[in-house]
Amino acid sequence: MTGLTLFGLFAVTAMMLCYALERRSRWFILGFAVSCVLGSIYGFLQGAWPFGIVEAVWALVALWRWLHAASQH
């Protein structure tokens, strides 16, 4: 397993874990956003630019959700 593959595995695992725990704390929403950025970087590094773009969009959506959740507390 290459370093790039391990990086991608970490990013996707963190994404899944943070998404599953989002209802527990708004900080998991931020964790999801950060892990989406990592997933986007992974996508671009491996040459799958459509995946990289989609993950970047997810990161922006999650960041917006985190900011919105912060304003409601």
Protein backbone atom coordinates (compact mmCIF):
# COMPACT_ATOMS: atom_id res chain seq x y z
CA MET A 1 0.00 0.00 0.00
CA THR A 2 1.44 3.36 -1.02
CA GLY A 3 1.53 6.50 1.08
CA LEU A 4 -1.02 8.11 -1.22
CA THR A 5 -3.39 5.18 -0.74
CA LEU A 6 -2.99 5.39 3.04
CA PHE A 7 -3.67 9.13 2.89
CA GLY A 8 -6.85 8.50 0.89
CA LEU A 9 -7.94 5.77 3.29
CA PHE A 10 -7.43 8.11 6.24
CA ALA A 11 -9.36 10.93 4.54
CA VAL A 12 -12.35 8.78 3.62
CA THR A 13 -12.42 7.05 7.02
CA ALA A 14 -12.33 10.41 8.83
CA MET A 15 -15.08 11.68 6.53
CA MET A 16 -17.31 8.71 7.30
CA LEU A 17 -16.67 8.89 11.06
CA CYS A 18 -17.30 12.63 11.29
CA TYR A 19 -20.44 12.36 9.17
CA ALA A 20 -21.79 9.61 11.42
CA LEU A 21 -21.16 11.71 14.54
CA GLU A 22 -22.39 15.09 13.24
CA ARG A 23 -25.50 15.10 15.43
CA ARG A 24 -23.38 14.83 18.60
CA SER A 25 -21.50 18.09 18.11
CA ARG A 26 -21.11 20.82 15.53
CA TRP A 27 -17.35 20.19 15.74
CA PHE A 28 -17.89 16.93 13.88
CA ILE A 29 -19.36 19.02 11.04
CA LEU A 30 -16.09 20.95 10.94
CA GLY A 31 -14.19 17.65 11.06
CA PHE A 32 -16.25 16.48 8.10
CA ALA A 33 -15.37 19.66 6.20
CA VAL A 34 -11.65 19.20 6.92
CA SER A 35 -11.76 15.53 5.93
CA CYS A 36 -13.53 16.51 2.69
CA VAL A 37 -10.64 18.88 1.95
CA LEU A 38 -8.24 15.99 2.56
CA GLY A 39 -10.37 13.80 0.27
CA SER A 40 -10.25 16.51 -2.38
CA ILE A 41 -6.47 16.74 -2.14
CA TYR A 42 -6.29 12.97 -2.44
CA GLY A 43 -8.50 13.01 -5.54
CA PHE A 44 -6.34 15.60 -7.28
CA LEU A 45 -3.09 13.87 -6.28
CA GLN A 46 -4.22 10.54 -7.69
CA GLY A 47 -5.43 12.14 -10.90
CA ALA A 48 -9.16 11.76 -10.31
CA TRP A 49 -10.00 15.45 -10.67
CA PRO A 50 -13.82 14.93 -10.77
CA PHE A 51 -13.57 13.32 -7.32
CA GLY A 52 -11.37 16.20 -6.17
CA ILE A 53 -13.88 18.78 -7.35
CA VAL A 54 -16.86 17.02 -5.77
CA GLU A 55 -15.05 16.68 -2.44
CA ALA A 56 -14.11 20.38 -2.55
CA VAL A 57 -17.79 21.26 -3.04
CA TRP A 58 -18.74 18.98 -0.12
CA ALA A 59 -16.12 20.76 2.00
CA LEU A 60 -17.71 24.14 1.22
CA VAL A 61 -21.20 22.83 1.99
CA ALA A 62 -20.00 21.34 5.29
CA LEU A 63 -18.20 24.57 6.21
CA TRP A 64 -21.39 26.53 5.53
CA ARG A 65 -23.34 24.05 7.69
CA TRP A 66 -20.78 24.41 10.50
CA LEU A 67 -20.98 28.22 10.39
CA HIS A 68 -24.77 28.03 10.37
CA ALA A 69 -24.78 25.61 13.33
CA ALA A 70 -22.40 27.91 15.24
CA SER A 71 -24.77 30.86 14.83
CA GLN A 72 -27.64 28.90 16.32
CA HIS A 73 -25.90 28.24 19.64
